[in-house]
Each structure stands twice: as structure tokens, then as C-alpha cells.
Amino acid sequence: MVHHWYKLLELLVPITVRHAAIKRLLLDRGIFAPAMIVLYFSLIPLLMGSSVDATANALRARFWPALKMNWKVWTIVQYINLSYVPMQYRVLVGNCTALLWSTYLATKRQ
């Protein structure tokens, strides 16, 4: 899924556009990050048998703290990734960072 997101960013904001990396970063941080946090804090509890109400309450409690931490951690990673890393290696860079990020999220889900 992330590979397709990077391709979509390339399509929406071609490299020829002025300040392309910043514009891609804003799209990534403003659309992709919140969506992934909602999915993470919604799907896992629902798949584990949590009720919809309990999942919604937990999401409301955890969303903003997780999103703020996401912006702190991922913004610099994604800026470097979108600015300097060739397209074929962006998913790899993201996956390496995601390993640490997933560990953080797992501690917040408890």
C-alpha cells in the first residue's frame, strides 16, 4: 500500500513542481499519517473482538497523542525520504522506521 501512496504522490506533485518535496510531505503528513493511525487503532481492536463502542472510545483517547508523536518522528524521516531517497528505496526506508514506530504504537495500544 505504501508503494502505491508514493506513486500517487509522484503523480499528484511531479518533481518539476516548485517545492515538490514540501508539498508531498504536507500531503503525506496531512492525509496518510492520520488515516494510518485511525486504521491501526481501529482494525486491530476490532479484529481482536473489541466492541465498536470500546474501539471508538479508545481511538478518541489515543488518536491525537499518537498523531502528534507521528508528526515528530516521521516528518523528518519522510522529508529525507521524499527529497533524497530514490523511488525504489523509499518503501525500504519507511519500513525500517516503521519497525520502531510500530513498537511505539504497540506500547500506546495497551
C-alpha atoms as a PDB file:
ATOM      1  CA  MET A   1       0.000   0.000   0.000  1.00  0.00           C
ATOM      2  CA  VAL A   2       2.810   2.434   0.831  1.00  0.00           C
ATOM      3  CA  HIS A   3       4.393   1.876  -2.581  1.00  0.00           C
ATOM      4  CA  HIS A   4       1.134   2.993  -4.207  1.00  0.00           C
ATOM      5  CA  TRP A   5       0.984   6.025  -1.927  1.00  0.00           C
ATOM      6  CA  TYR A   6       4.455   7.106  -3.041  1.00  0.00           C
ATOM      7  CA  LYS A   7       3.458   6.636  -6.677  1.00  0.00           C
ATOM      8  CA  LEU A   8       0.332   8.730  -6.085  1.00  0.00           C
ATOM      9  CA  LEU A   9       2.426  11.482  -4.502  1.00  0.00           C
ATOM     10  CA  GLU A  10       4.704  11.449  -7.572  1.00  0.00           C
ATOM     11  CA  LEU A  11       1.637  11.717  -9.795  1.00  0.00           C
ATOM     12  CA  LEU A  12      -0.057  14.475  -7.771  1.00  0.00           C
ATOM     13  CA  VAL A  13       3.097  16.518  -7.257  1.00  0.00           C
ATOM     14  CA  PRO A  14       5.639  15.900 -10.030  1.00  0.00           C
ATOM     15  CA  ILE A  15       9.274  16.697  -9.298  1.00  0.00           C
ATOM     16  CA  THR A  16       9.044  19.636 -11.715  1.00  0.00           C
ATOM     17  CA  VAL A  17       6.625  21.446  -9.367  1.00  0.00           C
ATOM     18  CA  ARG A  18       8.259  24.115  -7.251  1.00  0.00           C
ATOM     19  CA  HIS A  19       8.874  22.878  -3.688  1.00  0.00           C
ATOM     20  CA  ALA A  20       7.653  19.391  -4.671  1.00  0.00           C
ATOM     21  CA  ALA A  21       9.189  17.671  -1.632  1.00  0.00           C
ATOM     22  CA  ILE A  22       7.475  20.038   0.818  1.00  0.00           C
ATOM     23  CA  LYS A  23       4.125  19.661  -0.940  1.00  0.00           C
ATOM     24  CA  ARG A  24       4.443  15.870  -0.927  1.00  0.00           C
ATOM     25  CA  LEU A  25       5.414  15.980   2.732  1.00  0.00           C
ATOM     26  CA  LEU A  26       2.328  18.036   3.588  1.00  0.00           C
ATOM     27  CA  LEU A  27       0.093  15.564   1.750  1.00  0.00           C
ATOM     28  CA  ASP A  28       1.794  12.641   3.470  1.00  0.00           C
ATOM     29  CA  ARG A  29       1.589  14.135   6.954  1.00  0.00           C
ATOM     30  CA  GLY A  30      -1.929  15.544   6.475  1.00  0.00           C
ATOM     31  CA  ILE A  31      -3.638  12.598   4.776  1.00  0.00           C
ATOM     32  CA  PHE A  32      -1.647   9.380   5.037  1.00  0.00           C
ATOM     33  CA  ALA A  33      -0.495   9.691   8.667  1.00  0.00           C
ATOM     34  CA  PRO A  34      -3.940  10.306  10.196  1.00  0.00           C
ATOM     35  CA  ALA A  35      -5.518   7.584   8.052  1.00  0.00           C
ATOM     36  CA  MET A  36      -2.929   5.001   9.098  1.00  0.00           C
ATOM     37  CA  ILE A  37      -3.306   5.853  12.779  1.00  0.00           C
ATOM     38  CA  VAL A  38      -7.086   5.518  12.563  1.00  0.00           C
ATOM     39  CA  LEU A  39      -6.708   2.161  10.809  1.00  0.00           C
ATOM     40  CA  TYR A  40      -4.184   0.919  13.352  1.00  0.00           C
ATOM     41  CA  PHE A  41      -6.211   1.891  16.404  1.00  0.00           C
ATOM     42  CA  SER A  42      -9.477   0.675  14.846  1.00  0.00           C
ATOM     43  CA  LEU A  43      -8.764  -2.511  12.952  1.00  0.00           C
ATOM     44  CA  ILE A  44      -6.578  -4.292  15.467  1.00  0.00           C
ATOM     45  CA  PRO A  45      -9.027  -3.986  18.396  1.00  0.00           C
ATOM     46  CA  LEU A  46     -11.981  -4.908  16.180  1.00  0.00           C
ATOM     47  CA  LEU A  47     -10.150  -7.969  14.862  1.00  0.00           C
ATOM     48  CA  MET A  48      -9.327  -8.912  18.447  1.00  0.00           C
ATOM     49  CA  GLY A  49     -13.037  -8.862  19.318  1.00  0.00           C
ATOM     50  CA  SER A  50     -13.438  -5.428  20.868  1.00  0.00           C
ATOM     51  CA  SER A  51     -16.816  -3.774  20.538  1.00  0.00           C
ATOM     52  CA  VAL A  52     -17.284  -0.856  18.169  1.00  0.00           C
ATOM     53  CA  ASP A  53     -18.024   1.476  21.101  1.00  0.00           C
ATOM     54  CA  ALA A  54     -14.916   0.432  23.028  1.00  0.00           C
ATOM     55  CA  THR A  55     -12.801   0.793  19.883  1.00  0.00           C
ATOM     56  CA  ALA A  56     -14.217   4.249  19.163  1.00  0.00           C
ATOM     57  CA  ASN A  57     -13.578   5.386  22.741  1.00  0.00           C
ATOM     58  CA  ALA A  58     -10.011   4.092  22.650  1.00  0.00           C
ATOM     59  CA  LEU A  59      -9.436   5.753  19.287  1.00  0.00           C
ATOM     60  CA  ARG A  60     -10.658   9.093  20.625  1.00  0.00           C
ATOM     61  CA  ALA A  61      -8.311   8.809  23.598  1.00  0.00           C
ATOM     62  CA  ARG A  62      -5.227   7.714  21.635  1.00  0.00           C
ATOM     63  CA  PHE A  63      -5.526   9.428  18.256  1.00  0.00           C
ATOM     64  CA  TRP A  64      -4.160  12.923  18.991  1.00  0.00           C
ATOM     65  CA  PRO A  65      -1.214  11.840  21.156  1.00  0.00           C
ATOM     66  CA  ALA A  66      -0.229   9.254  18.543  1.00  0.00           C
ATOM     67  CA  LEU A  67      -0.641  11.703  15.655  1.00  0.00           C
ATOM     68  CA  LYS A  68       1.461  14.352  17.385  1.00  0.00           C
ATOM     69  CA  MET A  69       4.210  11.824  18.048  1.00  0.00           C
ATOM     70  CA  ASN A  70       3.894  10.624  14.436  1.00  0.00           C
ATOM     71  CA  TRP A  71       4.477  14.154  13.202  1.00  0.00           C
ATOM     72  CA  LYS A  72       7.536  14.479  15.451  1.00  0.00           C
ATOM     73  CA  VAL A  73       9.118  11.207  14.368  1.00  0.00           C
ATOM     74  CA  TRP A  74       8.033  10.761  10.772  1.00  0.00           C
ATOM     75  CA  THR A  75       8.211  14.318   9.437  1.00  0.00           C
ATOM     76  CA  ILE A  76      11.997  14.427   9.240  1.00  0.00           C
ATOM     77  CA  VAL A  77      12.176  10.822   8.013  1.00  0.00           C
ATOM     78  CA  GLN A  78       9.637  11.485   5.287  1.00  0.00           C
ATOM     79  CA  TYR A  79      11.248  14.774   4.287  1.00  0.00           C
ATOM     80  CA  ILE A  80      14.550  12.989   3.719  1.00  0.00           C
ATOM     81  CA  ASN A  81      12.770  10.050   2.110  1.00  0.00           C
ATOM     82  CA  LEU A  82      10.752  12.189  -0.314  1.00  0.00           C
ATOM     83  CA  SER A  83      13.613  14.582  -1.064  1.00  0.00           C
ATOM     84  CA  TYR A  84      16.712  12.457  -1.390  1.00  0.00           C
ATOM     85  CA  VAL A  85      15.904   8.745  -1.492  1.00  0.00           C
ATOM     86  CA  PRO A  86      15.317   7.230  -4.948  1.00  0.00           C
ATOM     87  CA  MET A  87      11.761   5.991  -5.510  1.00  0.00           C
ATOM     88  CA  GLN A  88      12.758   2.309  -5.470  1.00  0.00           C
ATOM     89  CA  TYR A  89      14.188   2.616  -1.915  1.00  0.00           C
ATOM     90  CA  ARG A  90      11.511   4.750  -0.250  1.00  0.00           C
ATOM     91  CA  VAL A  91       9.482   1.807   0.989  1.00  0.00           C
ATOM     92  CA  LEU A  92      12.622   0.258   2.496  1.00  0.00           C
ATOM     93  CA  VAL A  93      13.456   3.454   4.392  1.00  0.00           C
ATOM     94  CA  GLY A  94       9.870   3.689   5.565  1.00  0.00           C
ATOM     95  CA  ASN A  95       9.785   0.051   6.650  1.00  0.00           C
ATOM     96  CA  CYS A  96      12.958   0.410   8.703  1.00  0.00           C
ATOM     97  CA  THR A  97      11.485   3.408  10.507  1.00  0.00           C
ATOM     98  CA  ALA A  98       8.110   1.665  10.783  1.00  0.00           C
ATOM     99  CA  LEU A  99       9.663  -1.133  12.801  1.00  0.00           C
ATOM    100  CA  LEU A 100      10.487   1.347  15.558  1.00  0.00           C
ATOM    101  CA  TRP A 101       7.221   3.248  15.096  1.00  0.00           C
ATOM    102  CA  SER A 102       5.140   0.070  15.397  1.00  0.00           C
ATOM    103  CA  THR A 103       6.862  -0.722  18.658  1.00  0.00           C
ATOM    104  CA  TYR A 104       5.901   2.713  19.958  1.00  0.00           C
ATOM    105  CA  LEU A 105       2.285   2.299  18.813  1.00  0.00           C
ATOM    106  CA  ALA A 106       2.048  -1.120  20.411  1.00  0.00           C
ATOM    107  CA  THR A 107       3.009   0.381  23.751  1.00  0.00           C
ATOM    108  CA  LYS A 108       0.280   3.018  23.339  1.00  0.00           C
ATOM    109  CA  ARG A 109      -2.359   0.439  22.450  1.00  0.00           C
ATOM    110  CA  GLN A 110      -2.013  -1.266  25.836  1.00  0.00           C
END
